[in-house]
């Protein structure tokens, strides 16, 4: 059975990339590690409205984390390796790897990232939408 696309309406032209992006997001959302928050930071006199993504990455050092912007995707990766020199009597905290991806709208800018007390915070600036109204000239091509 094939899935009916919400973008299959004839009035929705050129939305196939959005449909592909939604499919990618749905596949990536199934993994719950690491947990994260997304908050809106109000506009101030000095700063525009921002978004902050905060991931709980306890046990990861700055060198074990990587934040990259790949086209319109913010990708956060964490890589831990087992320390073979340590002998555990009980191991309840495993060395883990993760990749968390966030799809960003065109024009969204990453301001920076901060690691503090086991929380990785990434600040983003929302683009101010431009209202564009353009008149389209109508030409006539009457044949005489």
N, C-alpha and C. Protein backbone atom coordinates (compact mmCIF):
# COMPACT_ATOMS: atom_id res chain seq x y z
N UNK A 1 0.85 -1.18 0.00
CA UNK A 1 0.00 0.00 0.00
C UNK A 1 0.89 1.24 0.00
N UNK A 2 0.65 2.13 -0.91
CA UNK A 2 1.45 3.35 -1.00
C UNK A 2 0.83 4.45 -0.14
N UNK A 3 1.70 5.30 0.35
CA UNK A 3 1.28 6.40 1.23
C UNK A 3 0.87 7.59 0.38
N UNK A 4 -0.25 8.21 0.72
CA UNK A 4 -0.72 9.39 0.01
C UNK A 4 0.08 10.60 0.48
N UNK A 5 0.64 11.33 -0.43
CA UNK A 5 1.45 12.49 -0.10
C UNK A 5 0.58 13.70 0.21
N UNK A 6 0.89 14.42 1.30
CA UNK A 6 0.12 15.64 1.57
C UNK A 6 0.46 16.75 0.58
N UNK A 7 1.54 16.57 -0.19
CA UNK A 7 1.95 17.58 -1.15
C UNK A 7 1.53 17.21 -2.57
N UNK A 8 0.60 16.29 -2.71
CA UNK A 8 0.16 15.83 -4.02
C UNK A 8 -0.90 16.70 -4.66
N UNK A 9 -1.33 17.74 -3.97
CA UNK A 9 -2.37 18.62 -4.51
C UNK A 9 -1.79 19.44 -5.66
N UNK A 10 -2.57 19.65 -6.73
CA UNK A 10 -2.04 20.38 -7.89
C UNK A 10 -1.67 21.84 -7.61
N UNK A 11 -2.17 22.45 -6.52
CA UNK A 11 -1.81 23.83 -6.20
C UNK A 11 -0.46 23.94 -5.48
N UNK A 12 0.06 22.83 -5.00
CA UNK A 12 1.33 22.83 -4.27
C UNK A 12 2.44 22.42 -5.24
N UNK A 13 3.08 23.41 -5.82
CA UNK A 13 4.11 23.16 -6.82
C UNK A 13 5.50 23.34 -6.21
N UNK A 14 6.39 22.41 -6.45
CA UNK A 14 7.78 22.54 -6.00
C UNK A 14 8.01 22.19 -4.55
N UNK A 15 7.10 21.47 -3.92
CA UNK A 15 7.24 21.13 -2.51
C UNK A 15 7.83 19.74 -2.30
N UNK A 16 8.35 19.12 -3.35
CA UNK A 16 8.89 17.77 -3.22
C UNK A 16 10.09 17.71 -2.29
N UNK A 17 10.91 18.79 -2.23
CA UNK A 17 12.05 18.81 -1.31
C UNK A 17 11.59 18.84 0.14
N UNK A 18 10.49 19.52 0.42
CA UNK A 18 9.95 19.56 1.78
C UNK A 18 9.47 18.17 2.18
N UNK A 19 8.83 17.48 1.25
CA UNK A 19 8.35 16.13 1.54
C UNK A 19 9.53 15.19 1.84
N UNK A 20 10.62 15.31 1.09
CA UNK A 20 11.80 14.49 1.35
C UNK A 20 12.41 14.84 2.71
N UNK A 21 12.44 16.13 3.05
CA UNK A 21 12.98 16.55 4.35
C UNK A 21 12.12 15.99 5.49
N UNK A 22 10.81 16.00 5.34
CA UNK A 22 9.94 15.45 6.38
C UNK A 22 10.16 13.95 6.55
N UNK A 23 10.40 13.25 5.47
CA UNK A 23 10.71 11.82 5.56
C UNK A 23 12.01 11.58 6.32
N UNK A 24 13.05 12.41 6.05
CA UNK A 24 14.32 12.27 6.76
C UNK A 24 14.14 12.54 8.25
N UNK A 25 13.37 13.57 8.58
CA UNK A 25 13.15 13.92 9.98
C UNK A 25 12.40 12.80 10.69
N UNK A 26 11.41 12.22 10.05
CA UNK A 26 10.64 11.14 10.67
C UNK A 26 11.52 9.93 10.96
N UNK A 27 12.46 9.62 10.09
CA UNK A 27 13.36 8.49 10.31
C UNK A 27 14.32 8.77 11.45
N UNK A 28 14.81 10.01 11.55
CA UNK A 28 15.80 10.37 12.57
C UNK A 28 15.18 10.54 13.94
N UNK A 29 13.88 10.78 14.03
CA UNK A 29 13.24 11.07 15.30
C UNK A 29 13.02 9.84 16.17
N UNK A 30 13.27 8.65 15.66
CA UNK A 30 12.98 7.44 16.41
C UNK A 30 13.96 7.20 17.56
N UNK A 31 15.18 7.72 17.49
CA UNK A 31 16.16 7.52 18.54
C UNK A 31 16.03 8.63 19.58
N UNK A 32 15.89 8.26 20.84
CA UNK A 32 15.67 9.25 21.89
C UNK A 32 16.92 9.70 22.61
N UNK A 33 18.11 9.28 22.14
CA UNK A 33 19.34 9.65 22.84
C UNK A 33 20.18 10.55 21.99
N UNK A 34 20.73 11.59 22.51
CA UNK A 34 20.52 12.12 23.85
C UNK A 34 19.25 12.96 23.91
N UNK A 35 18.67 13.09 25.09
CA UNK A 35 17.49 13.95 25.20
C UNK A 35 17.86 15.41 24.96
N UNK A 36 16.90 16.17 24.49
CA UNK A 36 17.19 17.57 24.15
C UNK A 36 15.98 18.45 24.39
N UNK A 37 16.24 19.74 24.51
CA UNK A 37 15.21 20.78 24.59
C UNK A 37 15.43 21.76 23.45
N UNK A 38 14.35 22.38 23.01
CA UNK A 38 14.43 23.50 22.06
C UNK A 38 13.61 24.62 22.68
N UNK A 39 14.26 25.76 22.88
CA UNK A 39 13.55 26.89 23.48
C UNK A 39 13.70 28.14 22.63
N UNK A 40 12.72 29.00 22.74
CA UNK A 40 12.74 30.28 22.06
C UNK A 40 13.25 31.33 23.04
N UNK A 41 14.26 32.07 22.64
CA UNK A 41 14.81 33.15 23.46
C UNK A 41 14.28 34.47 22.91
N UNK A 42 13.67 35.24 23.77
CA UNK A 42 13.01 36.48 23.35
C UNK A 42 14.01 37.48 22.79
N UNK A 43 13.52 38.30 21.93
CA UNK A 43 14.31 39.38 21.34
C UNK A 43 14.69 40.37 22.43
N UNK A 44 15.93 40.84 22.38
CA UNK A 44 16.39 41.88 23.30
C UNK A 44 16.83 43.08 22.48
N UNK A 45 17.29 44.12 23.17
CA UNK A 45 17.76 45.32 22.48
C UNK A 45 18.96 44.97 21.59
N UNK A 46 19.84 44.09 22.09
CA UNK A 46 21.07 43.76 21.37
C UNK A 46 20.95 42.56 20.44
N UNK A 47 20.02 41.63 20.74
CA UNK A 47 19.94 40.38 20.00
C UNK A 47 18.57 40.19 19.38
N UNK A 48 18.53 39.58 18.17
CA UNK A 48 17.24 39.23 17.57
C UNK A 48 16.66 37.99 18.27
N UNK A 49 15.46 37.61 17.89
CA UNK A 49 14.87 36.39 18.44
C UNK A 49 15.76 35.21 18.06
N UNK A 50 15.99 34.31 19.03
CA UNK A 50 16.87 33.17 18.80
C UNK A 50 16.20 31.89 19.26
N UNK A 51 16.75 30.79 18.78
CA UNK A 51 16.37 29.47 19.26
C UNK A 51 17.59 28.85 19.92
N UNK A 52 17.37 28.07 20.97
CA UNK A 52 18.48 27.37 21.62
C UNK A 52 18.12 25.89 21.71
N UNK A 53 19.02 25.07 21.17
CA UNK A 53 18.90 23.62 21.29
C UNK A 53 19.86 23.21 22.40
N UNK A 54 19.36 22.50 23.41
CA UNK A 54 20.19 22.04 24.51
C UNK A 54 20.10 20.52 24.57
N UNK A 55 21.27 19.86 24.47
CA UNK A 55 21.34 18.41 24.53
C UNK A 55 22.02 17.98 25.83
N UNK A 56 21.49 16.94 26.48
CA UNK A 56 22.08 16.39 27.70
C UNK A 56 23.17 15.41 27.28
N UNK A 57 24.42 15.82 27.39
CA UNK A 57 25.56 15.01 26.94
C UNK A 57 26.52 14.74 28.09
N UNK A 58 25.97 14.39 29.25
CA UNK A 58 26.82 14.11 30.42
C UNK A 58 27.82 13.02 30.09
N UNK A 59 29.06 13.22 30.50
CA UNK A 59 30.12 12.24 30.27
C UNK A 59 30.91 12.48 29.01
N UNK A 60 30.45 13.37 28.14
CA UNK A 60 31.17 13.69 26.91
C UNK A 60 32.04 14.93 27.15
N UNK A 61 33.26 14.88 26.65
CA UNK A 61 34.13 16.05 26.69
C UNK A 61 33.96 16.84 25.40
N UNK A 62 34.49 18.04 25.38
CA UNK A 62 34.42 18.87 24.17
C UNK A 62 35.06 18.17 22.98
N UNK A 63 36.16 17.43 23.22
CA UNK A 63 36.84 16.74 22.13
C UNK A 63 36.05 15.56 21.59
N UNK A 64 35.10 15.05 22.35
CA UNK A 64 34.29 13.92 21.91
C UNK A 64 33.01 14.36 21.20
N UNK A 65 32.78 15.66 21.12
CA UNK A 65 31.58 16.20 20.48
C UNK A 65 31.95 16.96 19.22
N UNK A 66 31.08 16.90 18.24
CA UNK A 66 31.30 17.61 16.98
C UNK A 66 29.96 18.19 16.52
N UNK A 67 29.97 19.48 16.20
CA UNK A 67 28.78 20.16 15.70
C UNK A 67 29.11 20.68 14.31
N UNK A 68 28.36 20.25 13.31
CA UNK A 68 28.61 20.69 11.93
C UNK A 68 27.30 21.15 11.30
N UNK A 69 27.44 22.00 10.30
CA UNK A 69 26.31 22.44 9.49
C UNK A 69 26.54 21.87 8.10
N UNK A 70 25.70 20.93 7.70
CA UNK A 70 25.82 20.26 6.41
C UNK A 70 24.59 20.63 5.58
N UNK A 71 24.82 21.56 4.65
CA UNK A 71 23.74 22.15 3.88
C UNK A 71 22.74 22.75 4.86
N UNK A 72 21.50 22.29 4.91
CA UNK A 72 20.52 22.87 5.84
C UNK A 72 20.30 21.99 7.06
N UNK A 73 21.28 21.14 7.38
CA UNK A 73 21.13 20.25 8.52
C UNK A 73 22.19 20.56 9.57
N UNK A 74 21.75 20.74 10.80
CA UNK A 74 22.64 20.87 11.93
C UNK A 74 22.85 19.45 12.46
N UNK A 75 24.10 18.99 12.45
CA UNK A 75 24.42 17.62 12.85
C UNK A 75 25.30 17.67 14.09
N UNK A 76 24.87 17.00 15.14
CA UNK A 76 25.64 16.91 16.38
C UNK A 76 26.02 15.45 16.56
N UNK A 77 27.32 15.20 16.68
CA UNK A 77 27.82 13.83 16.86
C UNK A 77 28.60 13.74 18.16
N UNK A 78 28.45 12.63 18.84
CA UNK A 78 29.22 12.35 20.04
C UNK A 78 29.85 10.98 19.90
N UNK A 79 31.15 10.89 20.21
CA UNK A 79 31.86 9.62 20.10
C UNK A 79 32.68 9.40 21.37
N UNK A 80 32.36 8.34 22.08
CA UNK A 80 33.15 7.94 23.24
C UNK A 80 33.77 6.58 22.93
N UNK A 81 34.95 6.34 23.48
CA UNK A 81 35.60 5.05 23.30
C UNK A 81 35.83 4.43 24.67
N UNK A 82 35.86 3.12 24.70
CA UNK A 82 36.14 2.40 25.95
C UNK A 82 37.59 2.58 26.33
N UNK A 83 37.82 2.81 27.60
CA UNK A 83 39.17 2.88 28.14
C UNK A 83 39.55 1.46 28.56
N UNK A 84 40.39 0.81 27.78
CA UNK A 84 40.77 -0.59 28.01
C UNK A 84 41.58 -0.77 29.29
N UNK A 85 42.18 0.30 29.80
CA UNK A 85 43.03 0.19 30.99
C UNK A 85 42.20 0.11 32.28
N UNK A 86 40.90 0.40 32.20
CA UNK A 86 40.07 0.39 33.40
C UNK A 86 39.39 -0.96 33.55
N UNK A 87 39.28 -1.42 34.80
CA UNK A 87 38.63 -2.69 35.11
C UNK A 87 37.39 -2.40 35.95
N UNK A 88 36.21 -2.62 35.39
CA UNK A 88 34.95 -2.31 36.07
C UNK A 88 34.43 -3.54 36.80
N UNK A 89 33.98 -3.38 38.02
CA UNK A 89 33.27 -4.43 38.74
C UNK A 89 31.79 -4.42 38.34
N UNK A 90 31.30 -3.24 38.04
CA UNK A 90 29.94 -3.08 37.49
C UNK A 90 30.00 -1.96 36.48
N UNK A 91 29.38 -2.17 35.33
CA UNK A 91 29.40 -1.15 34.28
C UNK A 91 27.96 -0.79 33.94
N UNK A 92 27.51 0.34 34.46
CA UNK A 92 26.16 0.82 34.17
C UNK A 92 26.15 2.01 33.24
N UNK A 93 27.32 2.61 33.02
CA UNK A 93 27.44 3.76 32.12
C UNK A 93 28.28 3.31 30.94
N UNK A 94 27.64 3.09 29.84
CA UNK A 94 28.35 2.60 28.65
C UNK A 94 28.94 3.75 27.86
N UNK A 95 30.06 3.47 27.19
CA UNK A 95 30.60 4.43 26.22
C UNK A 95 29.66 4.42 25.02
N UNK A 96 29.18 5.59 24.64
CA UNK A 96 28.15 5.65 23.59
C UNK A 96 28.59 6.52 22.44
N UNK A 97 27.89 6.33 21.36
CA UNK A 97 28.01 7.21 20.21
C UNK A 97 26.60 7.65 19.85
N UNK A 98 26.49 8.86 19.32
CA UNK A 98 25.18 9.32 18.87
C UNK A 98 25.36 10.29 17.72
N UNK A 99 24.28 10.45 17.00
CA UNK A 99 24.18 11.50 15.98
C UNK A 99 22.76 12.03 16.04
N UNK A 100 22.63 13.32 16.24
CA UNK A 100 21.33 13.98 16.29
C UNK A 100 21.32 15.04 15.20
N UNK A 101 20.29 15.04 14.38
CA UNK A 101 20.20 15.94 13.23
C UNK A 101 18.96 16.81 13.34
N UNK A 102 19.14 18.10 13.05
CA UNK A 102 18.04 19.05 13.02
C UNK A 102 18.02 19.71 11.65
N UNK A 103 16.89 19.72 11.01
CA UNK A 103 16.74 20.35 9.70
C UNK A 103 16.41 21.82 9.92
N UNK A 104 17.21 22.70 9.31
CA UNK A 104 17.04 24.14 9.50
C UNK A 104 16.43 24.78 8.26
N UNK A 105 15.64 25.80 8.48
CA UNK A 105 15.05 26.55 7.38
C UNK A 105 16.16 27.36 6.69
N UNK A 106 15.97 27.66 5.42
CA UNK A 106 16.95 28.48 4.69
C UNK A 106 17.16 29.80 5.42
N UNK A 107 18.41 30.19 5.56
CA UNK A 107 18.73 31.45 6.19
C UNK A 107 18.99 31.36 7.69
N UNK A 108 18.66 30.24 8.32
CA UNK A 108 18.91 30.08 9.75
C UNK A 108 20.41 30.03 9.98
N UNK A 109 20.89 30.81 10.95
CA UNK A 109 22.32 30.89 11.22
C UNK A 109 22.64 30.31 12.58
N UNK A 110 23.75 29.57 12.66
CA UNK A 110 24.22 29.04 13.92
C UNK A 110 25.16 30.07 14.54
N UNK A 111 24.82 30.56 15.72
CA UNK A 111 25.63 31.58 16.38
C UNK A 111 26.82 30.97 17.10
N UNK A 112 26.63 29.79 17.69
CA UNK A 112 27.72 29.16 18.42
C UNK A 112 27.21 28.04 19.29
N UNK A 113 28.17 27.35 19.94
CA UNK A 113 27.85 26.23 20.82
C UNK A 113 28.63 26.37 22.12
N UNK A 114 28.01 25.89 23.22
CA UNK A 114 28.62 26.00 24.53
C UNK A 114 28.38 24.70 25.28
N UNK A 115 29.44 24.16 25.92
CA UNK A 115 29.33 22.95 26.73
C UNK A 115 29.57 23.34 28.19
N UNK A 116 28.54 23.11 29.03
CA UNK A 116 28.65 23.49 30.43
C UNK A 116 27.81 22.54 31.27
N UNK A 117 28.42 21.95 32.30
CA UNK A 117 27.71 21.06 33.23
C UNK A 117 26.97 19.92 32.55
N UNK A 118 27.58 19.34 31.51
CA UNK A 118 26.98 18.21 30.82
C UNK A 118 25.88 18.58 29.85
N UNK A 119 25.70 19.87 29.58
CA UNK A 119 24.68 20.33 28.63
C UNK A 119 25.36 21.05 27.48
N UNK A 120 25.07 20.62 26.26
CA UNK A 120 25.57 21.27 25.06
C UNK A 120 24.46 22.17 24.54
N UNK A 121 24.71 23.47 24.50
CA UNK A 121 23.72 24.44 24.02
C UNK A 121 24.19 25.03 22.70
N UNK A 122 23.30 25.07 21.73
CA UNK A 122 23.59 25.62 20.41
C UNK A 122 22.56 26.70 20.14
N UNK A 123 23.04 27.92 19.89
CA UNK A 123 22.14 29.05 19.63
C UNK A 123 22.02 29.29 18.14
N UNK A 124 20.79 29.53 17.71
CA UNK A 124 20.47 29.77 16.30
C UNK A 124 19.73 31.10 16.19
N UNK A 125 19.96 31.80 15.10
CA UNK A 125 19.23 33.04 14.82
C UNK A 125 18.19 32.73 13.76
N UNK A 126 16.97 33.11 14.07
CA UNK A 126 15.89 32.95 13.10
C UNK A 126 15.97 34.07 12.07
N UNK A 127 15.82 33.73 10.81
CA UNK A 127 15.82 34.79 9.80
C UNK A 127 14.53 35.60 9.87
N UNK A 128 14.66 36.88 9.62
CA UNK A 128 13.48 37.73 9.55
C UNK A 128 12.89 37.55 8.14
N UNK A 129 11.64 37.10 8.06
CA UNK A 129 11.06 36.89 6.73
C UNK A 129 10.84 38.22 6.01
N UNK A 130 11.16 38.21 4.73
CA UNK A 130 10.95 39.40 3.91
C UNK A 130 9.62 39.27 3.19
N UNK A 131 8.89 40.33 3.20
CA UNK A 131 7.65 40.36 2.43
C UNK A 131 7.99 40.85 1.04
N UNK A 132 7.82 39.98 0.07
CA UNK A 132 8.15 40.35 -1.31
C UNK A 132 6.86 40.31 -2.13
N UNK A 133 6.57 41.44 -2.72
CA UNK A 133 5.45 41.52 -3.65
C UNK A 133 6.02 42.01 -4.96
N UNK A 134 5.84 41.22 -5.98
CA UNK A 134 6.38 41.56 -7.28
C UNK A 134 5.26 41.50 -8.31
N UNK A 135 5.14 42.53 -9.09
CA UNK A 135 4.11 42.56 -10.12
C UNK A 135 4.64 41.83 -11.36
N UNK A 136 3.82 40.97 -11.91
CA UNK A 136 4.17 40.22 -13.11
C UNK A 136 3.45 40.89 -14.28
N UNK A 137 4.23 41.34 -15.25
CA UNK A 137 3.66 41.95 -16.44
C UNK A 137 2.97 40.90 -17.31
N UNK A 138 1.83 41.27 -17.84
CA UNK A 138 1.10 40.39 -18.74
C UNK A 138 1.29 40.89 -20.14
N UNK A 139 1.79 40.03 -20.99
CA UNK A 139 1.98 40.42 -22.38
C UNK A 139 0.86 39.79 -23.22
N UNK A 140 0.56 40.44 -24.30
CA UNK A 140 -0.43 39.89 -25.21
C UNK A 140 0.27 39.39 -26.46
N UNK A 141 -0.21 38.28 -26.93
CA UNK A 141 0.39 37.72 -28.14
C UNK A 141 -0.71 37.43 -29.14
N UNK A 142 -1.54 38.46 -29.38
CA UNK A 142 -2.64 38.31 -30.35
C UNK A 142 -2.07 38.26 -31.75
N UNK A 143 -2.55 37.31 -32.48
CA UNK A 143 -2.16 37.21 -33.88
C UNK A 143 -3.20 37.91 -34.72
N UNK A 144 -2.75 38.73 -35.61
CA UNK A 144 -3.67 39.49 -36.46
C UNK A 144 -3.74 38.87 -37.81
